[in-house]
């Protein structure tokens, strides 16, 4: 069975992990326009987490990422593989 592919635009905030509570780190905002295999927000985050990390140039333990908005543009097709 083929799965639908959705175009999603995700607004997110990220900041470096501080080594202590006294260090205030700057929160940065960014947007990514990509494709996901689900409409569920948790599944979208799991699907695009590596893309977000690659875009900001950090490893998973180095930053905290918070999704602020997910806009699902619509279905753009289906996958080619059979699941």
N, C-alpha and C. Protein backbone atom coordinates (compact mmCIF):
# COMPACT_ATOMS: atom_id res chain seq x y z
N UNK A 1 0.84 -1.19 0.00
CA UNK A 1 0.00 0.00 0.00
C UNK A 1 0.89 1.25 0.00
N UNK A 2 0.58 2.18 -0.85
CA UNK A 2 1.34 3.42 -0.92
C UNK A 2 0.88 4.39 0.15
N UNK A 3 1.83 5.21 0.65
CA UNK A 3 1.50 6.22 1.65
C UNK A 3 1.46 7.59 0.99
N UNK A 4 0.59 8.48 1.46
CA UNK A 4 0.55 9.84 0.89
C UNK A 4 1.75 10.67 1.34
N UNK A 5 2.17 11.60 0.50
CA UNK A 5 3.25 12.53 0.80
C UNK A 5 2.63 13.92 0.93
N UNK A 6 2.92 14.58 2.06
CA UNK A 6 2.37 15.92 2.32
C UNK A 6 3.50 16.94 2.32
N UNK A 7 3.23 18.12 1.77
CA UNK A 7 4.17 19.22 1.88
C UNK A 7 3.86 19.96 3.17
N UNK A 8 4.90 20.16 3.99
CA UNK A 8 4.72 20.83 5.27
C UNK A 8 5.72 21.99 5.40
N UNK A 9 5.24 23.06 6.00
CA UNK A 9 6.10 24.20 6.33
C UNK A 9 6.12 24.29 7.85
N UNK A 10 7.32 24.13 8.42
CA UNK A 10 7.47 24.05 9.86
C UNK A 10 8.25 25.25 10.37
N UNK A 11 7.65 25.99 11.29
CA UNK A 11 8.34 27.07 12.00
C UNK A 11 8.83 26.49 13.32
N UNK A 12 10.09 26.77 13.65
CA UNK A 12 10.63 26.21 14.88
C UNK A 12 11.60 27.18 15.53
N UNK A 13 11.81 26.95 16.82
CA UNK A 13 12.79 27.71 17.60
C UNK A 13 13.84 26.73 18.08
N UNK A 14 15.07 27.21 18.19
CA UNK A 14 16.12 26.35 18.74
C UNK A 14 17.10 27.19 19.52
N UNK A 15 17.76 26.53 20.46
CA UNK A 15 18.81 27.18 21.24
C UNK A 15 19.80 26.12 21.68
N UNK A 16 21.02 26.56 21.89
CA UNK A 16 22.06 25.65 22.35
C UNK A 16 21.76 25.23 23.78
N UNK A 17 22.10 23.99 24.10
CA UNK A 17 21.96 23.53 25.48
C UNK A 17 22.98 24.25 26.34
N UNK A 18 22.52 24.88 27.41
CA UNK A 18 23.44 25.54 28.34
C UNK A 18 24.03 24.50 29.29
N UNK A 19 25.24 24.73 29.72
CA UNK A 19 25.87 23.80 30.65
C UNK A 19 25.47 24.09 32.08
N UNK A 20 24.89 25.23 32.31
CA UNK A 20 24.43 25.54 33.65
C UNK A 20 23.17 26.40 33.53
N UNK A 21 22.45 26.50 34.61
CA UNK A 21 21.21 27.29 34.61
C UNK A 21 21.49 28.79 34.54
N UNK A 22 22.71 29.19 34.86
CA UNK A 22 23.05 30.60 34.87
C UNK A 22 23.33 31.16 33.48
N UNK A 23 23.62 30.28 32.54
CA UNK A 23 23.94 30.73 31.19
C UNK A 23 22.65 30.87 30.40
N UNK A 24 22.39 32.05 29.94
CA UNK A 24 21.22 32.30 29.09
C UNK A 24 21.65 32.16 27.64
N UNK A 25 20.98 31.33 26.89
CA UNK A 25 21.31 31.17 25.49
C UNK A 25 20.24 31.84 24.64
N UNK A 26 20.66 32.35 23.52
CA UNK A 26 19.75 33.07 22.63
C UNK A 26 18.85 32.09 21.89
N UNK A 27 17.57 32.39 21.83
CA UNK A 27 16.61 31.57 21.09
C UNK A 27 16.55 32.10 19.66
N UNK A 28 16.72 31.20 18.70
CA UNK A 28 16.70 31.57 17.28
C UNK A 28 15.49 30.95 16.62
N UNK A 29 14.92 31.64 15.65
CA UNK A 29 13.75 31.17 14.91
C UNK A 29 14.16 30.83 13.49
N UNK A 30 13.52 29.80 12.93
CA UNK A 30 13.80 29.41 11.55
C UNK A 30 12.59 28.69 10.99
N UNK A 31 12.61 28.46 9.68
CA UNK A 31 11.52 27.79 8.98
C UNK A 31 12.13 26.78 8.02
N UNK A 32 11.46 25.64 7.87
CA UNK A 32 11.88 24.65 6.89
C UNK A 32 10.65 24.23 6.07
N UNK A 33 10.84 24.11 4.78
CA UNK A 33 9.80 23.69 3.85
C UNK A 33 10.22 22.33 3.32
N UNK A 34 9.46 21.30 3.65
CA UNK A 34 9.86 19.94 3.30
C UNK A 34 8.63 19.05 3.10
N UNK A 35 8.88 17.78 2.95
CA UNK A 35 7.81 16.80 2.76
C UNK A 35 7.79 15.81 3.92
N UNK A 36 6.60 15.32 4.27
CA UNK A 36 6.44 14.35 5.35
C UNK A 36 5.44 13.29 4.91
N UNK A 37 5.49 12.16 5.60
CA UNK A 37 4.62 11.03 5.25
C UNK A 37 3.39 10.92 6.13
N UNK A 38 3.10 11.95 6.92
CA UNK A 38 1.97 11.88 7.83
C UNK A 38 1.42 13.28 8.09
N UNK A 39 0.20 13.35 8.58
CA UNK A 39 -0.41 14.61 9.01
C UNK A 39 -0.25 14.82 10.51
N UNK A 40 0.10 13.77 11.25
CA UNK A 40 0.24 13.82 12.70
C UNK A 40 1.49 14.63 13.07
N UNK A 41 1.35 15.60 13.97
CA UNK A 41 2.45 16.50 14.31
C UNK A 41 3.64 15.78 14.94
N UNK A 42 3.39 14.79 15.79
CA UNK A 42 4.50 14.05 16.40
C UNK A 42 5.26 13.24 15.36
N UNK A 43 4.55 12.62 14.44
CA UNK A 43 5.20 11.86 13.38
C UNK A 43 5.96 12.77 12.42
N UNK A 44 5.43 13.96 12.16
CA UNK A 44 6.13 14.92 11.31
C UNK A 44 7.45 15.31 11.95
N UNK A 45 7.43 15.59 13.26
CA UNK A 45 8.67 15.96 13.95
C UNK A 45 9.70 14.84 13.88
N UNK A 46 9.29 13.61 14.13
CA UNK A 46 10.22 12.49 14.06
C UNK A 46 10.77 12.32 12.65
N UNK A 47 9.95 12.57 11.65
CA UNK A 47 10.37 12.41 10.27
C UNK A 47 11.37 13.49 9.84
N UNK A 48 11.19 14.73 10.31
CA UNK A 48 12.04 15.83 9.84
C UNK A 48 13.12 16.24 10.83
N UNK A 49 13.23 15.56 11.97
CA UNK A 49 14.19 15.95 13.00
C UNK A 49 15.62 16.02 12.45
N UNK A 50 16.04 15.04 11.67
CA UNK A 50 17.38 15.05 11.10
C UNK A 50 17.58 16.19 10.10
N UNK A 51 16.53 16.53 9.37
CA UNK A 51 16.61 17.66 8.43
C UNK A 51 16.79 18.97 9.18
N UNK A 52 16.08 19.11 10.31
CA UNK A 52 16.22 20.32 11.12
C UNK A 52 17.65 20.44 11.66
N UNK A 53 18.17 19.35 12.20
CA UNK A 53 19.53 19.37 12.75
C UNK A 53 20.56 19.67 11.67
N UNK A 54 20.38 19.11 10.49
CA UNK A 54 21.31 19.36 9.39
C UNK A 54 21.24 20.83 8.97
N UNK A 55 20.04 21.41 8.97
CA UNK A 55 19.88 22.80 8.55
C UNK A 55 20.57 23.77 9.51
N UNK A 56 20.47 23.49 10.81
CA UNK A 56 21.09 24.40 11.78
C UNK A 56 22.54 24.01 12.09
N UNK A 57 22.99 22.87 11.59
CA UNK A 57 24.39 22.48 11.73
C UNK A 57 24.78 22.01 13.11
N UNK A 58 23.89 21.34 13.81
CA UNK A 58 24.16 20.86 15.17
C UNK A 58 23.84 19.38 15.28
N UNK A 59 24.35 18.77 16.34
CA UNK A 59 24.02 17.37 16.65
C UNK A 59 22.84 17.35 17.60
N UNK A 60 22.25 16.18 17.76
CA UNK A 60 21.00 16.06 18.52
C UNK A 60 21.13 16.51 19.97
N UNK A 61 22.21 16.20 20.65
CA UNK A 61 22.35 16.57 22.05
C UNK A 61 22.79 18.01 22.27
N UNK A 62 23.14 18.73 21.23
CA UNK A 62 23.67 20.08 21.37
C UNK A 62 22.61 21.17 21.41
N UNK A 63 21.40 20.88 20.94
CA UNK A 63 20.36 21.91 20.86
C UNK A 63 19.03 21.41 21.38
N UNK A 64 18.20 22.37 21.76
CA UNK A 64 16.80 22.10 22.09
C UNK A 64 15.96 22.69 20.99
N UNK A 65 15.06 21.88 20.42
CA UNK A 65 14.22 22.33 19.32
C UNK A 65 12.76 22.33 19.78
N UNK A 66 12.07 23.42 19.48
CA UNK A 66 10.65 23.54 19.82
C UNK A 66 9.90 23.93 18.55
N UNK A 67 8.93 23.12 18.15
CA UNK A 67 8.09 23.39 16.98
C UNK A 67 7.04 24.42 17.38
N UNK A 68 6.99 25.54 16.66
CA UNK A 68 6.01 26.57 16.99
C UNK A 68 4.78 26.52 16.10
N UNK A 69 4.96 26.07 14.84
CA UNK A 69 3.82 26.02 13.93
C UNK A 69 4.10 25.00 12.83
N UNK A 70 3.10 24.21 12.50
CA UNK A 70 3.19 23.28 11.37
C UNK A 70 2.03 23.57 10.44
N UNK A 71 2.35 23.92 9.22
CA UNK A 71 1.32 24.18 8.21
C UNK A 71 1.40 23.08 7.16
N UNK A 72 0.32 22.34 7.01
CA UNK A 72 0.27 21.26 6.02
C UNK A 72 -0.37 21.82 4.76
N UNK A 73 0.42 21.91 3.70
CA UNK A 73 -0.04 22.50 2.44
C UNK A 73 -1.04 21.60 1.74
N UNK A 74 -0.83 20.31 1.79
CA UNK A 74 -1.72 19.39 1.11
C UNK A 74 -0.96 18.18 0.61
N UNK A 75 -1.69 17.25 0.05
CA UNK A 75 -1.07 16.02 -0.45
C UNK A 75 -0.45 16.28 -1.82
N UNK A 76 0.81 15.87 -1.98
CA UNK A 76 1.53 16.09 -3.22
C UNK A 76 1.75 14.82 -4.01
N UNK A 77 1.25 13.71 -3.54
CA UNK A 77 1.43 12.46 -4.25
C UNK A 77 1.47 11.30 -3.27
N UNK A 78 2.02 10.19 -3.77
CA UNK A 78 2.14 8.99 -2.94
C UNK A 78 3.53 8.42 -3.09
N UNK A 79 3.93 7.62 -2.12
CA UNK A 79 5.24 6.98 -2.20
C UNK A 79 5.24 5.92 -3.27
N UNK A 80 6.41 5.59 -3.79
CA UNK A 80 6.54 4.55 -4.81
C UNK A 80 6.63 3.17 -4.21
N UNK A 81 7.14 3.09 -3.00
CA UNK A 81 7.36 1.78 -2.39
C UNK A 81 6.09 1.22 -1.80
N UNK A 82 6.03 -0.07 -1.78
CA UNK A 82 4.87 -0.75 -1.19
C UNK A 82 5.20 -1.10 0.24
N UNK A 83 4.32 -0.74 1.17
CA UNK A 83 4.55 -0.96 2.59
C UNK A 83 3.62 -2.03 3.10
